Every structure is written in C-alpha cells, then in structure tokens.
C-alpha cells in the first residue's frame, strides 16, 4: 500500500507540473499537510481523553459493573469464556469502548483480552479457539451507540450536525455484527474440530 500511495502522489505531482498547475499542486500539498496535522491533533486529543476515562473506569471498578450487564450476553456468544477471568474483564472493557464508538481506546483492552485468552489456551500452540475468533468478530463489527470518533472527525471537517449519522451507524453496525456472528456460529463446529487436533 505504501508503494501504491507513493506512486499516486508522484504521478499526481508530475502531472500537475507538466499540465501547468504546479503552483496549485504545491499550495494543495502544503494546505493538506497543515489540515492533516490539525486533524491528527483533534483525533489524538479525543483518543487520549477517552483512553483516560477507560483507565479510570477500570481502576474505579466501573468496568466490573459494566461486566455484570454484558456478562449474560457474553455467556450466549462466548460460552467458553471463563467467568471472572482477566480475559472476561478486558472483553467487557473492549465492548464498552466499542459501544461508545471509541475504536482507538478499545484497542488496548482488546489486545489484553486476546493475550489473556491465548494464555488460557496454550495447548492450542498459538492457534485461536472459537472464543478468540468470536471476539475478533465482536471487536471488528461492533454496535456503536455513540460513534465518538466519527463525530469528532465530522466536527473537525465543519459538519453542522456531527451526530446526524447515528441512526445509519446503528443500523449498519448491527447488521455487520449479526452477519459476522451468524457466520462465526455456522463455522463453529469446524473451528472447534480444527483446534482440537494436535
């Protein structure tokens, strides 16, 4: 991908120069660099804020309270997840962050959840079990009640109604999650059989 993007930039710059639009290309490059830096600061600020909130929630025990509400659903979706384990706690944190649309803040607990589940299943020699596969689906195609990251990007882009896309995001994320879980459950016997070999 890096080579493709680099080639696209070089072709665009060369075409702009030879077509007599070199000044416009230079101006656009400078302006886009400034806009990119501003956007990165905006997104980073939001990510730092919500990551801090998630850390406070973990230390204060709020994640344990959230886990009580999420646990019954997890029992249906991930029956092999050990109750009260670190893996369950981090899965609950990840799901909570994803529900709030905090994709970046959801990454650290997601990685910790995968490590904890892998630690519980050392006998699989690094191969994922059905719970790990299901969690990957949950993390990738999660329902976002409050798409905070997208709303931040829309606000930074000058949108007059950053939250106007929320109904669309609810519908699409719910459809994606449902489809992913159905496929995961349909392939569950095969996945379990593969994991039990060796």
C-alpha atoms as a PDB file:
ATOM      1  CA  UNK A   1       0.000   0.000   0.000  1.00  0.00           C
ATOM      2  CA  UNK A   2       2.851   2.380   0.791  1.00  0.00           C
ATOM      3  CA  UNK A   3       4.260   1.924  -2.720  1.00  0.00           C
ATOM      4  CA  UNK A   4       0.834   2.470  -4.286  1.00  0.00           C
ATOM      5  CA  UNK A   5       0.210   5.693  -2.364  1.00  0.00           C
ATOM      6  CA  UNK A   6       3.729   6.948  -3.080  1.00  0.00           C
ATOM      7  CA  UNK A   7       3.265   6.232  -6.797  1.00  0.00           C
ATOM      8  CA  UNK A   8      -0.114   8.011  -6.822  1.00  0.00           C
ATOM      9  CA  UNK A   9       1.396  11.091  -5.167  1.00  0.00           C
ATOM     10  CA  UNK A  10       4.341  11.175  -7.569  1.00  0.00           C
ATOM     11  CA  UNK A  11       2.124  10.745 -10.643  1.00  0.00           C
ATOM     12  CA  UNK A  12      -0.255  13.476  -9.427  1.00  0.00           C
ATOM     13  CA  UNK A  13       2.621  15.877  -8.717  1.00  0.00           C
ATOM     14  CA  UNK A  14       4.312  15.228 -12.087  1.00  0.00           C
ATOM     15  CA  UNK A  15       1.013  15.570 -13.941  1.00  0.00           C
ATOM     16  CA  UNK A  16       0.269  18.837 -12.131  1.00  0.00           C
ATOM     17  CA  UNK A  17       3.665  20.292 -13.033  1.00  0.00           C
ATOM     18  CA  UNK A  18       3.534  19.299 -16.709  1.00  0.00           C
ATOM     19  CA  UNK A  19      -0.076  20.458 -17.078  1.00  0.00           C
ATOM     20  CA  UNK A  20       0.821  23.938 -15.859  1.00  0.00           C
ATOM     21  CA  UNK A  21      -0.726  23.566 -12.407  1.00  0.00           C
ATOM     22  CA  UNK A  22       2.494  23.265 -10.421  1.00  0.00           C
ATOM     23  CA  UNK A  23       1.675  26.224  -8.185  1.00  0.00           C
ATOM     24  CA  UNK A  24      -1.775  24.819  -7.368  1.00  0.00           C
ATOM     25  CA  UNK A  25      -0.256  21.408  -6.591  1.00  0.00           C
ATOM     26  CA  UNK A  26       2.338  22.969  -4.262  1.00  0.00           C
ATOM     27  CA  UNK A  27      -0.316  25.022  -2.497  1.00  0.00           C
ATOM     28  CA  UNK A  28      -2.600  21.991  -2.108  1.00  0.00           C
ATOM     29  CA  UNK A  29       0.254  19.891  -0.702  1.00  0.00           C
ATOM     30  CA  UNK A  30       1.118  22.499   1.908  1.00  0.00           C
ATOM     31  CA  UNK A  31      -2.507  23.051   2.853  1.00  0.00           C
ATOM     32  CA  UNK A  32      -3.220  19.334   3.108  1.00  0.00           C
ATOM     33  CA  UNK A  33      -0.197  18.912   5.376  1.00  0.00           C
ATOM     34  CA  UNK A  34      -1.498  21.597   7.719  1.00  0.00           C
ATOM     35  CA  UNK A  35      -5.008  20.122   7.671  1.00  0.00           C
ATOM     36  CA  UNK A  36      -3.642  16.650   8.371  1.00  0.00           C
ATOM     37  CA  UNK A  37      -1.659  17.872  11.384  1.00  0.00           C
ATOM     38  CA  UNK A  38      -4.727  19.670  12.762  1.00  0.00           C
ATOM     39  CA  UNK A  39      -6.893  16.578  12.244  1.00  0.00           C
ATOM     40  CA  UNK A  40      -4.322  14.352  13.959  1.00  0.00           C
ATOM     41  CA  UNK A  41      -4.250  16.655  16.989  1.00  0.00           C
ATOM     42  CA  UNK A  42      -8.059  16.663  17.157  1.00  0.00           C
ATOM     43  CA  UNK A  43      -8.354  12.880  16.940  1.00  0.00           C
ATOM     44  CA  UNK A  44      -5.415  12.323  19.315  1.00  0.00           C
ATOM     45  CA  UNK A  45      -6.998  14.642  21.870  1.00  0.00           C
ATOM     46  CA  UNK A  46     -10.238  12.691  21.776  1.00  0.00           C
ATOM     47  CA  UNK A  47      -8.405   9.362  21.941  1.00  0.00           C
ATOM     48  CA  UNK A  48      -6.321  10.464  24.944  1.00  0.00           C
ATOM     49  CA  UNK A  49      -9.431  11.746  26.738  1.00  0.00           C
ATOM     50  CA  UNK A  50     -11.438   8.560  26.285  1.00  0.00           C
ATOM     51  CA  UNK A  51      -8.455   6.271  26.947  1.00  0.00           C
ATOM     52  CA  UNK A  52      -8.017   8.094  30.248  1.00  0.00           C
ATOM     53  CA  UNK A  53     -11.701   7.662  31.037  1.00  0.00           C
ATOM     54  CA  UNK A  54     -11.449   3.939  30.311  1.00  0.00           C
ATOM     55  CA  UNK A  55      -8.402   3.688  32.627  1.00  0.00           C
ATOM     56  CA  UNK A  56     -10.318   5.469  35.391  1.00  0.00           C
ATOM     57  CA  UNK A  57     -13.293   3.182  34.813  1.00  0.00           C
ATOM     58  CA  UNK A  58     -11.032   0.147  35.232  1.00  0.00           C
ATOM     59  CA  UNK A  59      -9.402   1.442  38.441  1.00  0.00           C
ATOM     60  CA  UNK A  60     -12.708   2.571  39.984  1.00  0.00           C
ATOM     61  CA  UNK A  61     -14.440  -0.754  39.363  1.00  0.00           C
ATOM     62  CA  UNK A  62     -16.876   0.640  36.819  1.00  0.00           C
ATOM     63  CA  UNK A  63     -15.805  -1.979  34.314  1.00  0.00           C
ATOM     64  CA  UNK A  64     -16.814  -4.664  36.819  1.00  0.00           C
ATOM     65  CA  UNK A  65     -20.295  -3.120  36.979  1.00  0.00           C
ATOM     66  CA  UNK A  66     -20.468  -2.986  33.182  1.00  0.00           C
ATOM     67  CA  UNK A  67     -19.333  -6.595  33.066  1.00  0.00           C
ATOM     68  CA  UNK A  68     -22.388  -7.631  35.109  1.00  0.00           C
ATOM     69  CA  UNK A  69     -24.651  -6.197  32.400  1.00  0.00           C
ATOM     70  CA  UNK A  70     -22.601  -7.514  29.485  1.00  0.00           C
ATOM     71  CA  UNK A  71     -21.836 -10.942  31.023  1.00  0.00           C
ATOM     72  CA  UNK A  72     -25.239 -12.570  30.272  1.00  0.00           C
ATOM     73  CA  UNK A  73     -24.847 -11.664  26.599  1.00  0.00           C
ATOM     74  CA  UNK A  74     -21.265 -12.921  26.584  1.00  0.00           C
ATOM     75  CA  UNK A  75     -22.457 -16.254  28.033  1.00  0.00           C
ATOM     76  CA  UNK A  76     -24.594 -16.720  24.911  1.00  0.00           C
ATOM     77  CA  UNK A  77     -21.996 -15.530  22.421  1.00  0.00           C
ATOM     78  CA  UNK A  78     -18.808 -16.789  24.096  1.00  0.00           C
ATOM     79  CA  UNK A  79     -19.790 -19.693  26.390  1.00  0.00           C
ATOM     80  CA  UNK A  80     -16.184 -20.853  26.790  1.00  0.00           C
ATOM     81  CA  UNK A  81     -15.000 -17.570  28.312  1.00  0.00           C
ATOM     82  CA  UNK A  82     -14.023 -18.123  31.957  1.00  0.00           C
ATOM     83  CA  UNK A  83     -16.233 -16.215  34.377  1.00  0.00           C
ATOM     84  CA  UNK A  84     -14.374 -13.594  36.427  1.00  0.00           C
ATOM     85  CA  UNK A  85     -11.152 -14.027  34.439  1.00  0.00           C
ATOM     86  CA  UNK A  86      -8.920 -11.221  33.187  1.00  0.00           C
ATOM     87  CA  UNK A  87      -9.970 -12.176  29.672  1.00  0.00           C
ATOM     88  CA  UNK A  88     -13.626 -11.558  30.513  1.00  0.00           C
ATOM     89  CA  UNK A  89     -12.814  -8.200  32.123  1.00  0.00           C
ATOM     90  CA  UNK A  90     -10.849  -6.991  29.107  1.00  0.00           C
ATOM     91  CA  UNK A  91     -13.502  -8.269  26.681  1.00  0.00           C
ATOM     92  CA  UNK A  92     -16.106  -6.251  28.601  1.00  0.00           C
ATOM     93  CA  UNK A  93     -13.886  -3.153  28.505  1.00  0.00           C
ATOM     94  CA  UNK A  94     -13.352  -3.584  24.776  1.00  0.00           C
ATOM     95  CA  UNK A  95     -17.078  -3.992  24.091  1.00  0.00           C
ATOM     96  CA  UNK A  96     -17.884  -0.953  26.250  1.00  0.00           C
ATOM     97  CA  UNK A  97     -15.374   1.204  24.374  1.00  0.00           C
ATOM     98  CA  UNK A  98     -16.673  -0.014  21.011  1.00  0.00           C
ATOM     99  CA  UNK A  99     -20.280   0.714  22.007  1.00  0.00           C
ATOM    100  CA  UNK A 100     -19.164   4.291  22.669  1.00  0.00           C
ATOM    101  CA  UNK A 101     -17.517   4.355  19.244  1.00  0.00           C
ATOM    102  CA  UNK A 102     -14.023   4.672  20.722  1.00  0.00           C
ATOM    103  CA  UNK A 103     -12.192   2.376  18.334  1.00  0.00           C
ATOM    104  CA  UNK A 104      -8.719   3.586  19.374  1.00  0.00           C
ATOM    105  CA  UNK A 105      -9.492   3.380  23.092  1.00  0.00           C
ATOM    106  CA  UNK A 106     -10.876  -0.130  22.554  1.00  0.00           C
ATOM    107  CA  UNK A 107      -7.602  -1.417  21.100  1.00  0.00           C
ATOM    108  CA  UNK A 108      -5.516  -1.774  24.328  1.00  0.00           C
ATOM    109  CA  UNK A 109      -8.122  -3.832  26.238  1.00  0.00           C
ATOM    110  CA  UNK A 110      -8.762  -5.812  23.052  1.00  0.00           C
ATOM    111  CA  UNK A 111      -5.088  -6.787  22.802  1.00  0.00           C
ATOM    112  CA  UNK A 112      -5.013  -7.648  26.508  1.00  0.00           C
ATOM    113  CA  UNK A 113      -8.125  -9.813  26.094  1.00  0.00           C
ATOM    114  CA  UNK A 114      -6.521 -11.740  23.234  1.00  0.00           C
ATOM    115  CA  UNK A 115      -3.327 -12.255  25.250  1.00  0.00           C
ATOM    116  CA  UNK A 116      -5.316 -13.458  28.264  1.00  0.00           C
ATOM    117  CA  UNK A 117      -7.335 -15.911  26.146  1.00  0.00           C
ATOM    118  CA  UNK A 118      -4.182 -17.159  24.430  1.00  0.00           C
ATOM    119  CA  UNK A 119      -2.613 -17.688  27.861  1.00  0.00           C
ATOM    120  CA  UNK A 120      -5.598 -19.810  28.901  1.00  0.00           C
ATOM    121  CA  UNK A 121      -5.266 -21.946  25.775  1.00  0.00           C
ATOM    122  CA  UNK A 122      -1.528 -22.595  25.496  1.00  0.00           C
ATOM    123  CA  UNK A 123      -2.274 -26.174  24.404  1.00  0.00           C
ATOM    124  CA  UNK A 124      -3.501 -24.818  21.056  1.00  0.00           C
ATOM    125  CA  UNK A 125       0.076 -23.783  20.205  1.00  0.00           C
ATOM    126  CA  UNK A 126      -0.855 -20.259  19.127  1.00  0.00           C
ATOM    127  CA  UNK A 127      -3.957 -21.232  17.153  1.00  0.00           C
ATOM    128  CA  UNK A 128      -7.154 -19.310  18.052  1.00  0.00           C
ATOM    129  CA  UNK A 129     -10.064 -21.072  19.703  1.00  0.00           C
ATOM    130  CA  UNK A 130     -13.726 -20.318  18.942  1.00  0.00           C
ATOM    131  CA  UNK A 131     -13.923 -17.628  21.680  1.00  0.00           C
ATOM    132  CA  UNK A 132     -10.948 -15.764  20.219  1.00  0.00           C
ATOM    133  CA  UNK A 133     -12.469 -15.878  16.738  1.00  0.00           C
ATOM    134  CA  UNK A 134     -15.838 -14.700  18.070  1.00  0.00           C
ATOM    135  CA  UNK A 135     -14.151 -11.873  19.971  1.00  0.00           C
ATOM    136  CA  UNK A 136     -12.340 -10.786  16.810  1.00  0.00           C
ATOM    137  CA  UNK A 137     -15.751 -10.562  15.104  1.00  0.00           C
ATOM    138  CA  UNK A 138     -17.224  -8.635  18.060  1.00  0.00           C
ATOM    139  CA  UNK A 139     -14.320  -6.214  18.021  1.00  0.00           C
ATOM    140  CA  UNK A 140     -14.333  -5.683  14.262  1.00  0.00           C
ATOM    141  CA  UNK A 141     -18.084  -5.422  13.657  1.00  0.00           C
ATOM    142  CA  UNK A 142     -19.263  -3.831  16.885  1.00  0.00           C
ATOM    143  CA  UNK A 143     -22.502  -1.946  17.507  1.00  0.00           C
ATOM    144  CA  UNK A 144     -21.707   1.715  18.108  1.00  0.00           C
ATOM    145  CA  UNK A 145     -24.356   3.583  20.100  1.00  0.00           C
ATOM    146  CA  UNK A 146     -22.251   6.750  20.266  1.00  0.00           C
ATOM    147  CA  UNK A 147     -19.790   6.936  17.330  1.00  0.00           C
ATOM    148  CA  UNK A 148     -17.499   9.381  19.124  1.00  0.00           C
ATOM    149  CA  UNK A 149     -14.536   9.070  16.740  1.00  0.00           C
ATOM    150  CA  UNK A 150     -16.652   9.598  13.614  1.00  0.00           C
ATOM    151  CA  UNK A 151     -18.464  12.506  15.256  1.00  0.00           C
ATOM    152  CA  UNK A 152     -15.103  14.080  16.143  1.00  0.00           C
ATOM    153  CA  UNK A 153     -13.938  13.750  12.527  1.00  0.00           C
ATOM    154  CA  UNK A 154     -17.198  15.214  11.213  1.00  0.00           C
ATOM    155  CA  UNK A 155     -16.976  18.109  13.646  1.00  0.00           C
ATOM    156  CA  UNK A 156     -13.364  18.800  12.645  1.00  0.00           C
ATOM    157  CA  UNK A 157     -14.458  18.786   8.986  1.00  0.00           C
ATOM    158  CA  UNK A 158     -17.007  21.521   9.732  1.00  0.00           C
ATOM    159  CA  UNK A 159     -20.203  19.462   9.879  1.00  0.00           C
ATOM    160  CA  UNK A 160     -23.190  21.365  11.286  1.00  0.00           C
ATOM    161  CA  UNK A 161     -24.697  18.097  12.574  1.00  0.00           C
ATOM    162  CA  UNK A 162     -21.895  15.672  13.584  1.00  0.00           C
ATOM    163  CA  UNK A 163     -24.357  13.261  15.171  1.00  0.00           C
ATOM    164  CA  UNK A 164     -26.727  13.143  12.208  1.00  0.00           C
ATOM    165  CA  UNK A 165     -25.287   9.834  11.003  1.00  0.00           C
ATOM    166  CA  UNK A 166     -26.013   7.979  14.247  1.00  0.00           C
ATOM    167  CA  UNK A 167     -29.141   6.085  13.008  1.00  0.00           C
ATOM    168  CA  UNK A 168     -27.249   4.927   9.912  1.00  0.00           C
ATOM    169  CA  UNK A 169     -24.328   3.745  12.039  1.00  0.00           C
ATOM    170  CA  UNK A 170     -26.680   1.871  14.413  1.00  0.00           C
ATOM    171  CA  UNK A 171     -28.284   0.019  11.513  1.00  0.00           C
ATOM    172  CA  UNK A 172     -25.101  -0.800   9.602  1.00  0.00           C
ATOM    173  CA  UNK A 173     -23.094  -1.842  12.666  1.00  0.00           C
ATOM    174  CA  UNK A 174     -25.954  -4.047  13.923  1.00  0.00           C
ATOM    175  CA  UNK A 175     -26.267  -5.716  10.505  1.00  0.00           C
ATOM    176  CA  UNK A 176     -22.499  -6.241  10.280  1.00  0.00           C
ATOM    177  CA  UNK A 177     -22.342  -7.710  13.796  1.00  0.00           C
ATOM    178  CA  UNK A 178     -25.316 -10.020  13.187  1.00  0.00           C
ATOM    179  CA  UNK A 179     -23.872 -11.285   9.906  1.00  0.00           C
ATOM    180  CA  UNK A 180     -20.438 -11.809  11.449  1.00  0.00           C
ATOM    181  CA  UNK A 181     -21.769 -13.743  14.438  1.00  0.00           C
ATOM    182  CA  UNK A 182     -24.035 -15.905  12.263  1.00  0.00           C
ATOM    183  CA  UNK A 183     -21.089 -16.880  10.049  1.00  0.00           C
ATOM    184  CA  UNK A 184     -18.913 -17.444  13.116  1.00  0.00           C
ATOM    185  CA  UNK A 185     -21.503 -19.707  14.743  1.00  0.00           C
ATOM    186  CA  UNK A 186     -22.156 -21.541  11.472  1.00  0.00           C
ATOM    187  CA  UNK A 187     -18.455 -22.370  11.188  1.00  0.00           C
ATOM    188  CA  UNK A 188     -18.056 -23.057  14.924  1.00  0.00           C
ATOM    189  CA  UNK A 189     -18.070 -26.897  14.698  1.00  0.00           C
ATOM    190  CA  UNK A 190     -15.334 -26.817  12.030  1.00  0.00           C
ATOM    191  CA  UNK A 191     -13.279 -24.295  14.010  1.00  0.00           C
ATOM    192  CA  UNK A 192     -13.625 -26.367  17.185  1.00  0.00           C
ATOM    193  CA  UNK A 193     -12.589 -29.505  15.354  1.00  0.00           C
ATOM    194  CA  UNK A 194      -9.539 -27.796  13.912  1.00  0.00           C
ATOM    195  CA  UNK A 195      -8.496 -26.542  17.338  1.00  0.00           C
ATOM    196  CA  UNK A 196      -8.812 -29.945  18.936  1.00  0.00           C
ATOM    197  CA  UNK A 197      -6.379 -31.517  16.506  1.00  0.00           C
ATOM    198  CA  UNK A 198      -2.839 -31.623  17.836  1.00  0.00           C
END
